N, C-alpha and C. Protein backbone atom coordinates (compact mmCIF):
# COMPACT_ATOMS: atom_id res chain seq x y z
N UNK A 1 10.91 -0.39 -2.58
CA UNK A 1 11.01 0.55 -1.49
C UNK A 1 9.08 1.60 -1.48
N UNK A 2 9.10 1.30 -2.46
CA UNK A 2 7.29 2.02 -3.14
C UNK A 2 6.16 1.60 -1.99
N UNK A 3 6.45 0.23 -2.25
CA UNK A 3 5.03 -0.69 -1.30
C UNK A 3 5.85 -0.34 0.28
N UNK A 4 6.46 -0.82 0.95
CA UNK A 4 7.21 -0.35 1.72
C UNK A 4 6.69 0.76 2.89
N UNK A 5 6.47 2.34 1.50
CA UNK A 5 6.08 3.48 2.07
C UNK A 5 5.09 3.29 2.26
N UNK A 6 4.41 2.66 1.10
CA UNK A 6 2.94 3.12 1.17
C UNK A 6 2.49 2.11 2.12
N UNK A 7 2.91 1.19 2.51
CA UNK A 7 2.08 0.73 3.70
C UNK A 7 2.40 1.01 5.29
N UNK A 8 3.69 1.89 5.67
CA UNK A 8 4.15 2.06 6.56
C UNK A 8 3.84 4.10 6.71
N UNK A 9 3.78 4.63 5.66
CA UNK A 9 3.33 5.61 5.36
C UNK A 9 4.75 6.59 5.99
N UNK A 10 5.80 6.20 6.01
CA UNK A 10 7.08 6.79 6.93
C UNK A 10 7.85 5.95 6.09
N UNK A 11 9.28 7.10 5.88
CA UNK A 11 10.01 7.36 5.32
C UNK A 11 11.02 6.10 6.09
N UNK A 12 11.13 6.09 7.53
CA UNK A 12 12.30 5.48 8.35
C UNK A 12 12.03 4.45 8.69
N UNK A 13 10.74 4.03 9.08
CA UNK A 13 9.85 2.71 8.77
C UNK A 13 9.83 1.91 7.95
N UNK A 14 9.73 2.57 6.36
CA UNK A 14 9.95 1.85 5.27
C UNK A 14 11.26 1.49 4.71
N UNK A 15 12.46 2.25 5.16
CA UNK A 15 13.57 1.58 5.23
C UNK A 15 13.70 0.68 6.28
N UNK A 16 13.24 0.30 7.95
CA UNK A 16 13.47 -0.49 7.68
C UNK A 16 12.75 -1.66 7.48
N UNK A 17 11.39 -1.37 6.86
CA UNK A 17 11.03 -2.74 6.68
C UNK A 17 11.67 -3.65 5.38
N UNK A 18 11.76 -2.59 4.64
CA UNK A 18 12.47 -3.06 3.39
C UNK A 18 13.86 -3.97 3.56
N UNK A 19 14.51 -3.30 4.78
CA UNK A 19 15.78 -3.92 4.79
C UNK A 19 15.28 -5.73 5.58
N UNK A 20 14.47 -5.53 6.50
CA UNK A 20 13.95 -6.93 7.02
C UNK A 20 13.00 -7.75 5.80
N UNK A 21 12.36 -7.34 4.89
CA UNK A 21 11.99 -7.54 3.93
C UNK A 21 13.25 -8.51 3.14
N UNK A 22 14.39 -7.95 2.68
CA UNK A 22 15.59 -8.68 2.17
C UNK A 22 16.50 -9.25 2.93
N UNK A 23 16.22 -9.50 4.55
CA UNK A 23 17.18 -10.06 5.11
C UNK A 23 16.32 -11.37 5.24
N UNK A 24 14.66 -11.11 5.30
CA UNK A 24 14.59 -12.35 5.09
C UNK A 24 14.29 -12.75 3.96
N UNK A 25 14.14 -12.64 2.60
CA UNK A 25 14.22 -13.08 1.57
C UNK A 25 15.56 -13.79 0.85
N UNK A 26 16.77 -13.63 1.78
CA UNK A 26 17.93 -13.77 1.29
C UNK A 26 18.57 -14.94 2.38
N UNK A 27 17.35 -14.95 3.34
CA UNK A 27 17.60 -16.26 4.22
C UNK A 27 17.04 -17.39 3.54
N UNK A 28 15.41 -17.35 2.94
CA UNK A 28 14.75 -17.71 2.41
C UNK A 28 14.42 -17.90 1.09
N UNK A 29 15.62 -17.45 0.37
CA UNK A 29 15.89 -17.92 -1.21
C UNK A 29 15.28 -19.70 -1.83
N UNK A 30 16.18 -20.43 -1.21
CA UNK A 30 16.43 -21.37 -1.47
C UNK A 30 14.76 -22.23 -1.19
N UNK A 31 13.87 -21.39 -0.13
CA UNK A 31 12.61 -21.81 -0.25
C UNK A 31 11.46 -21.41 -1.25
N UNK A 32 11.90 -20.25 -2.12
CA UNK A 32 11.30 -20.24 -3.15
C UNK A 32 11.36 -21.89 -4.60
N UNK A 33 10.09 -21.48 -4.81
CA UNK A 33 9.63 -22.78 -5.72
C UNK A 33 9.10 -22.56 -6.40
N UNK A 34 9.13 -21.33 -7.24
CA UNK A 34 9.15 -20.83 -8.89
C UNK A 34 7.37 -21.05 -9.03
N UNK A 35 6.32 -21.40 -8.31
CA UNK A 35 4.87 -21.04 -8.59
C UNK A 35 4.46 -19.76 -8.99
N UNK A 36 5.39 -19.06 -8.64
CA UNK A 36 4.72 -17.60 -8.77
C UNK A 36 5.93 -16.63 -9.54
N UNK A 37 5.63 -15.53 -9.50
CA UNK A 37 6.72 -14.50 -10.00
C UNK A 37 7.61 -14.27 -9.15
N UNK A 38 8.93 -14.12 -9.02
CA UNK A 38 9.65 -13.55 -7.58
C UNK A 38 8.89 -12.68 -7.25
N UNK A 39 8.59 -11.54 -8.12
CA UNK A 39 8.62 -10.26 -7.12
C UNK A 39 6.93 -10.75 -6.35
N UNK A 40 5.69 -10.99 -6.98
CA UNK A 40 5.02 -11.95 -6.13
C UNK A 40 5.09 -11.98 -4.67
N UNK A 41 6.42 -13.04 -4.88
CA UNK A 41 6.76 -13.77 -3.49
C UNK A 41 7.63 -12.87 -2.60
N UNK A 42 8.36 -11.86 -3.09
CA UNK A 42 9.12 -10.89 -2.39
C UNK A 42 7.51 -9.98 -1.92
N UNK A 43 6.21 -9.48 -2.87
CA UNK A 43 5.71 -8.72 -1.89
C UNK A 43 4.80 -9.26 -1.00
N UNK A 44 4.86 -10.51 -1.09
CA UNK A 44 4.17 -11.12 0.43
C UNK A 44 4.76 -11.01 1.33
N UNK A 45 6.08 -11.41 1.01
CA UNK A 45 6.94 -11.09 2.42
C UNK A 45 7.25 -9.74 2.62
N UNK A 46 6.69 -8.54 2.02
CA UNK A 46 7.19 -7.34 2.22
C UNK A 46 5.92 -6.93 3.46
N UNK A 47 4.34 -8.24 2.43
CA UNK A 47 3.28 -7.34 3.31
C UNK A 47 3.01 -8.16 4.72
N UNK A 48 3.81 -9.66 4.36
CA UNK A 48 3.67 -10.28 6.29
C UNK A 48 4.79 -9.65 6.88
N UNK A 49 5.89 -9.21 6.96
CA UNK A 49 6.67 -8.74 7.17
C UNK A 49 6.20 -7.35 8.13
N UNK A 50 5.30 -6.57 7.03
CA UNK A 50 4.69 -5.30 8.01
C UNK A 50 3.57 -6.18 8.93
N UNK A 51 2.85 -6.82 8.36
CA UNK A 51 1.66 -7.53 9.47
C UNK A 51 2.35 -7.77 10.72
N UNK A 52 3.43 -8.50 10.51
CA UNK A 52 4.11 -8.96 11.73
C UNK A 52 4.68 -7.96 12.73
N UNK A 53 5.20 -7.22 11.93
CA UNK A 53 5.74 -5.51 12.69
C UNK A 53 4.90 -5.11 13.18
N UNK A 54 3.49 -5.25 12.87
CA UNK A 54 2.73 -4.23 12.91
C UNK A 54 2.05 -4.67 15.01
N UNK A 55 1.98 -6.00 14.04
CA UNK A 55 1.46 -7.24 15.36
C UNK A 55 2.32 -6.61 16.47
N UNK A 56 3.49 -6.92 16.31
CA UNK A 56 4.74 -6.47 17.59
C UNK A 56 4.68 -5.35 18.30
N UNK A 57 4.76 -4.29 17.62
CA UNK A 57 4.57 -3.12 18.40
C UNK A 57 3.02 -2.54 18.56
N UNK A 58 2.33 -3.53 18.26
CA UNK A 58 0.87 -2.75 18.46
C UNK A 58 0.40 -1.90 17.44
N UNK A 59 1.39 -0.76 16.64
CA UNK A 59 1.08 -0.15 16.33
C UNK A 59 2.53 0.77 15.74
N UNK A 60 2.83 0.72 14.33
CA UNK A 60 3.83 1.04 13.64
C UNK A 60 3.55 2.92 13.73
N UNK A 61 4.59 4.07 14.76
CA UNK A 61 4.66 5.17 13.91
C UNK A 61 4.00 5.47 12.95
N UNK A 62 3.13 6.15 12.28
CA UNK A 62 2.44 7.20 10.90
C UNK A 62 2.63 8.34 10.90
N UNK A 63 3.24 8.76 10.03
CA UNK A 63 3.69 9.89 9.46
C UNK A 63 3.15 10.58 9.09
N UNK A 64 2.22 11.50 9.49
CA UNK A 64 1.26 11.99 8.42
C UNK A 64 1.97 12.44 7.03
N UNK A 65 0.87 12.32 6.22
CA UNK A 65 1.36 11.76 4.19
C UNK A 65 1.79 13.50 4.33
N UNK A 66 1.39 13.73 4.64
CA UNK A 66 0.91 15.55 3.85
C UNK A 66 2.19 16.33 5.03
N UNK A 67 2.60 16.13 6.11
CA UNK A 67 3.38 16.52 7.01
C UNK A 67 4.97 17.68 5.94
N UNK A 68 4.99 16.33 5.04
CA UNK A 68 6.66 17.10 4.69
C UNK A 68 6.54 17.27 3.27
N UNK A 69 4.68 17.21 2.54
CA UNK A 69 4.55 17.62 1.58
C UNK A 69 4.84 16.45 0.01
N UNK A 70 5.56 15.33 0.81
CA UNK A 70 5.30 14.17 0.55
C UNK A 70 4.49 13.88 -0.86
N UNK A 71 4.85 13.22 -2.31
CA UNK A 71 3.48 12.28 -3.05
C UNK A 71 3.72 10.66 -2.96
N UNK A 72 4.59 10.32 -2.20
CA UNK A 72 4.74 8.97 -2.59
C UNK A 72 4.19 7.72 -2.35
N UNK A 73 2.75 8.21 -1.89
CA UNK A 73 1.70 7.28 -1.95
C UNK A 73 0.88 7.35 -3.28
N UNK A 74 1.01 7.96 -3.99
CA UNK A 74 -0.01 7.93 -5.00
C UNK A 74 1.36 8.12 -6.16
N UNK A 75 3.03 8.55 -5.83
CA UNK A 75 3.50 8.04 -7.01
C UNK A 75 3.62 9.55 -7.97
N UNK A 76 3.28 11.01 -7.50
CA UNK A 76 3.04 11.84 -7.94
C UNK A 76 4.02 12.95 -8.41
N UNK A 77 4.63 12.86 -9.72
CA UNK A 77 5.91 13.68 -9.43
C UNK A 77 5.70 15.31 -10.41
N UNK A 78 4.82 15.61 -10.38
CA UNK A 78 4.70 17.23 -10.40
C UNK A 78 4.34 17.92 -9.82
N UNK A 79 5.10 18.80 -10.23
CA UNK A 79 5.11 20.42 -8.70
C UNK A 79 4.16 20.60 -8.51
N UNK A 80 4.31 20.40 -6.93
CA UNK A 80 2.75 21.38 -6.67
C UNK A 80 2.00 22.60 -7.06
N UNK A 81 2.59 23.46 -7.72
CA UNK A 81 1.45 24.17 -8.37
C UNK A 81 1.24 24.04 -9.63
N UNK A 82 1.46 22.98 -10.33
CA UNK A 82 1.37 22.79 -11.97
C UNK A 82 0.08 22.92 -12.10
N UNK A 83 -0.44 21.89 -10.66
CA UNK A 83 -1.86 21.41 -10.96
C UNK A 83 -3.03 22.08 -9.85
N UNK A 84 -3.56 23.07 -9.33
CA UNK A 84 -3.26 23.32 -8.30
C UNK A 84 -5.21 22.31 -7.83
N UNK A 85 -6.11 21.76 -8.64
CA UNK A 85 -6.71 21.46 -8.64
C UNK A 85 -6.93 20.12 -8.35
N UNK A 86 -5.82 19.19 -9.58
CA UNK A 86 -5.38 18.19 -9.45
C UNK A 86 -4.57 17.72 -8.36
N UNK A 87 -3.54 18.45 -7.65
CA UNK A 87 -3.33 18.25 -6.16
C UNK A 87 -4.44 18.23 -5.12
N UNK A 88 -5.51 18.86 -5.02
CA UNK A 88 -6.36 19.61 -4.25
C UNK A 88 -6.93 17.67 -4.18
N UNK A 89 -6.91 17.17 -4.99
CA UNK A 89 -7.86 15.87 -5.62
C UNK A 89 -7.06 14.63 -4.92
N UNK A 90 -5.50 15.24 -4.63
CA UNK A 90 -4.34 14.25 -4.42
C UNK A 90 -4.76 13.90 -2.89
N UNK A 91 -4.51 15.20 -2.38
CA UNK A 91 -4.39 14.66 -1.33
C UNK A 91 -5.64 14.69 -0.67
N UNK A 92 -6.82 14.74 -0.94
CA UNK A 92 -8.06 14.20 -0.67
C UNK A 92 -8.06 12.60 -0.62
N UNK A 93 -7.04 12.07 -1.51
CA UNK A 93 -7.56 10.25 -1.47
C UNK A 93 -6.56 9.63 -0.94
N UNK A 94 -5.31 10.89 -0.77
CA UNK A 94 -3.67 10.43 0.41
C UNK A 94 -5.17 10.00 1.55
N UNK A 95 -5.41 11.10 2.03
CA UNK A 95 -6.21 11.39 3.14
C UNK A 95 -7.10 10.31 3.38
N UNK A 96 -7.85 10.08 2.54
CA UNK A 96 -8.77 8.91 2.73
C UNK A 96 -8.62 7.81 2.73
N UNK A 97 -7.30 7.83 1.35
CA UNK A 97 -6.86 5.94 1.99
C UNK A 97 -5.86 5.75 2.77
N UNK A 98 -5.59 6.69 3.88
CA UNK A 98 -4.52 6.17 5.30
C UNK A 98 -5.78 5.78 6.41
N UNK A 99 -7.27 6.33 6.15
CA UNK A 99 -8.38 6.37 7.16
C UNK A 99 -8.92 4.32 6.94
N UNK A 100 -8.62 4.05 5.66
CA UNK A 100 -8.91 2.73 5.31
C UNK A 100 -8.60 1.38 6.22
N UNK A 101 -9.36 0.56 6.99
CA UNK A 101 -8.66 -0.92 7.36
C UNK A 101 -7.56 -0.65 6.66
N UNK A 102 -6.54 -1.42 7.80
CA UNK A 102 -5.16 -1.74 6.75
C UNK A 102 -5.67 -2.51 5.98
N UNK A 103 -5.98 -3.84 5.90
CA UNK A 103 -6.18 -4.54 4.77
C UNK A 103 -6.88 -4.36 3.32
N UNK A 104 -8.03 -3.47 3.64
CA UNK A 104 -8.35 -3.15 2.49
C UNK A 104 -7.67 -1.96 1.88
N UNK A 105 -7.03 -1.08 2.42
CA UNK A 105 -5.76 -0.43 2.46
C UNK A 105 -4.69 -0.75 1.40
N UNK A 106 -3.89 -1.78 1.99
CA UNK A 106 -3.29 -3.11 1.41
C UNK A 106 -3.80 -3.12 0.13
N UNK A 107 -4.60 -4.09 0.11
CA UNK A 107 -5.70 -4.49 -1.46
C UNK A 107 -5.35 -3.23 -2.55
N UNK A 108 -5.99 -1.78 -1.60
CA UNK A 108 -5.96 -0.91 -2.83
C UNK A 108 -4.54 -0.34 -3.19
N UNK A 109 -3.69 -0.65 -2.48
CA UNK A 109 -2.56 0.31 -2.47
C UNK A 109 -1.91 -0.69 -3.35
N UNK A 110 -1.84 -2.48 -3.45
CA UNK A 110 -1.90 -3.20 -4.72
C UNK A 110 -2.15 -3.23 -5.78
N UNK A 111 -4.02 -2.91 -5.75
CA UNK A 111 -4.29 -3.02 -7.11
C UNK A 111 -3.72 -1.76 -8.06
N UNK A 112 -4.27 -0.15 -6.99
CA UNK A 112 -4.08 0.76 -8.01
C UNK A 112 -2.66 1.47 -7.71
N UNK A 113 -2.29 1.08 -6.76
CA UNK A 113 -0.89 1.65 -7.17
C UNK A 113 0.02 1.08 -7.18
N UNK A 114 -0.18 -0.27 -7.27
CA UNK A 114 1.14 -0.92 -7.64
C UNK A 114 0.65 -1.89 -8.82
N UNK A 115 -0.34 -1.79 -9.75
CA UNK A 115 -0.63 -2.26 -10.50
C UNK A 115 -0.76 -3.53 -10.40
N UNK A 116 -1.31 -4.70 -9.91
CA UNK A 116 -1.46 -5.72 -9.67
C UNK A 116 -2.49 -6.56 -10.08
N UNK A 117 -3.17 -7.77 -10.30
CA UNK A 117 -3.30 -8.56 -10.68
C UNK A 117 -4.31 -8.75 -9.53
N UNK A 118 -5.67 -9.05 -9.23
CA UNK A 118 -6.60 -9.79 -8.41
C UNK A 118 -5.82 -10.95 -7.53
N UNK A 119 -5.59 -11.75 -8.69
CA UNK A 119 -4.69 -13.30 -8.77
C UNK A 119 -3.14 -13.28 -7.85
N UNK A 120 -2.63 -12.12 -8.30
CA UNK A 120 -1.13 -11.39 -7.39
C UNK A 120 -1.46 -10.88 -5.90
N UNK A 121 -1.86 -9.76 -6.15
CA UNK A 121 -2.74 -9.19 -4.60
C UNK A 121 -2.93 -10.77 -3.58
N UNK A 122 -3.94 -11.50 -4.40
CA UNK A 122 -4.43 -12.42 -3.65
C UNK A 122 -2.85 -13.48 -2.68
N UNK A 123 -2.16 -13.92 -3.85
CA UNK A 123 -0.74 -14.55 -3.79
C UNK A 123 0.22 -13.67 -2.49
N UNK A 124 0.02 -12.56 -2.73
CA UNK A 124 0.52 -11.73 -2.01
C UNK A 124 0.18 -11.98 -0.21
N UNK A 125 -0.72 -11.46 -0.14
CA UNK A 125 -1.81 -11.16 1.11
C UNK A 125 -2.38 -12.41 1.60
N UNK A 126 -1.83 -13.50 0.49
CA UNK A 126 -2.21 -15.02 1.12
C UNK A 126 -3.93 -15.48 1.23
N UNK A 127 -4.57 -14.64 0.95
CA UNK A 127 -5.89 -14.84 0.89
C UNK A 127 -6.82 -15.14 -0.32
N UNK A 128 -8.27 -16.00 -0.89
CA UNK A 128 -8.78 -16.25 -1.65
C UNK A 128 -8.82 -14.76 -2.59
N UNK A 129 -8.43 -14.96 -3.33
CA UNK A 129 -9.44 -13.90 -4.61
C UNK A 129 -10.46 -13.32 -4.72
N UNK A 130 -11.68 -13.83 -4.07
CA UNK A 130 -12.48 -13.37 -3.25
C UNK A 130 -12.41 -12.66 -2.00
N UNK A 131 -12.11 -12.74 -1.31
CA UNK A 131 -11.84 -11.91 -0.66
C UNK A 131 -11.17 -10.51 -0.34
N UNK A 132 -10.11 -10.75 -1.74
CA UNK A 132 -9.15 -9.61 -2.28
C UNK A 132 -10.41 -8.52 -3.10
N UNK A 133 -10.78 -8.69 -3.72
CA UNK A 133 -12.23 -8.34 -4.39
C UNK A 133 -13.32 -8.20 -3.12
N UNK A 134 -13.22 -8.09 -2.22
CA UNK A 134 -14.46 -7.34 -1.64
C UNK A 134 -13.79 -6.56 -0.55
N UNK A 135 -12.07 -6.86 -0.13
CA UNK A 135 -11.62 -5.51 0.33
C UNK A 135 -11.40 -4.44 -0.88
N UNK A 136 -11.07 -5.38 -1.56
CA UNK A 136 -11.08 -3.94 -2.78
C UNK A 136 -12.35 -3.08 -2.73
N UNK A 137 -13.62 -3.77 -3.12
CA UNK A 137 -14.48 -3.47 -2.92
C UNK A 137 -15.20 -2.66 -1.86
N UNK A 138 -15.25 -2.50 -0.69
CA UNK A 138 -15.66 -2.15 0.35
C UNK A 138 -14.60 -0.40 0.57
N UNK A 139 -13.43 -0.74 0.21
CA UNK A 139 -12.58 0.19 -0.03
C UNK A 139 -13.02 1.60 -1.20
N UNK A 140 -13.22 0.87 -1.79
CA UNK A 140 -13.50 1.40 -3.25
C UNK A 140 -15.15 2.66 -2.48
N UNK A 141 -15.95 1.59 -2.15
CA UNK A 141 -17.59 2.43 -1.08
C UNK A 141 -16.85 3.45 -0.22
N UNK A 142 -16.12 3.19 0.26
CA UNK A 142 -15.31 3.93 1.97
C UNK A 142 -15.36 5.30 0.65
N UNK A 143 -14.17 5.30 0.20
CA UNK A 143 -13.43 5.81 -0.49
C UNK A 143 -14.00 7.29 -1.25
N UNK A 144 -15.59 6.35 -2.06
CA UNK A 144 -16.84 6.79 -2.74
C UNK A 144 -17.44 7.63 -2.41
N UNK A 145 -17.30 7.53 -0.69
CA UNK A 145 -18.42 8.47 0.15
C UNK A 145 -17.22 9.24 0.39
N UNK A 146 -16.15 9.03 1.51
CA UNK A 146 -15.34 10.20 1.50
C UNK A 146 -14.84 11.55 0.46
N UNK A 147 -15.17 10.64 -0.24
CA UNK A 147 -14.64 11.69 -1.95
C UNK A 147 -15.55 12.26 -2.51
N UNK A 148 -16.64 12.29 -1.69
CA UNK A 148 -18.31 12.51 -3.36
C UNK A 148 -18.03 14.06 -3.58
N UNK A 149 -17.51 15.24 -2.79
CA UNK A 149 -17.12 16.39 -3.09
C UNK A 149 -16.21 16.55 -4.68
N UNK A 150 -15.44 15.51 -4.63
CA UNK A 150 -14.40 15.73 -5.79
C UNK A 150 -15.11 14.94 -7.22
N UNK A 151 -15.95 14.44 -7.32
CA UNK A 151 -17.09 13.64 -8.00
C UNK A 151 -17.30 14.73 -9.26
N UNK A 152 -17.13 14.58 -10.57
CA UNK A 152 -17.71 15.60 -11.40
C UNK A 152 -19.25 15.61 -11.80
N UNK A 153 -20.25 16.79 -11.95
CA UNK A 153 -21.34 15.87 -12.37
C UNK A 153 -21.49 15.64 -14.07
């Protein structure tokens, strides 16, 4: 469910995506060939379903991540007032990540929020490992520029 929320940035859309993914997985479980880990197969279904839904809707409604004060994007559990400086950085990273192009954002979320390996991301996104590395590099460059004010000297 976390990946679905990270992709959609909206709880309702994430629930719809999550439900659609499990329907697809249930219907096609017999096609699973054990050539990869089950969760990799499920992540790939999630990402592909998200892209298909986004294309069909032309643009999924995106809720501002900060609208409800949630920290789902970065899975932060601390209370907002516990670490005010850290929360400011978290908000800045959230906003910067939301502005990344979709494929860069997906690669970034899978790598840095889901802690997946390049090989796994490649399988999930259906692209080569070099392309994943390119998306991650470009995402990090954009984030580095956008977050330059938060770097420690």
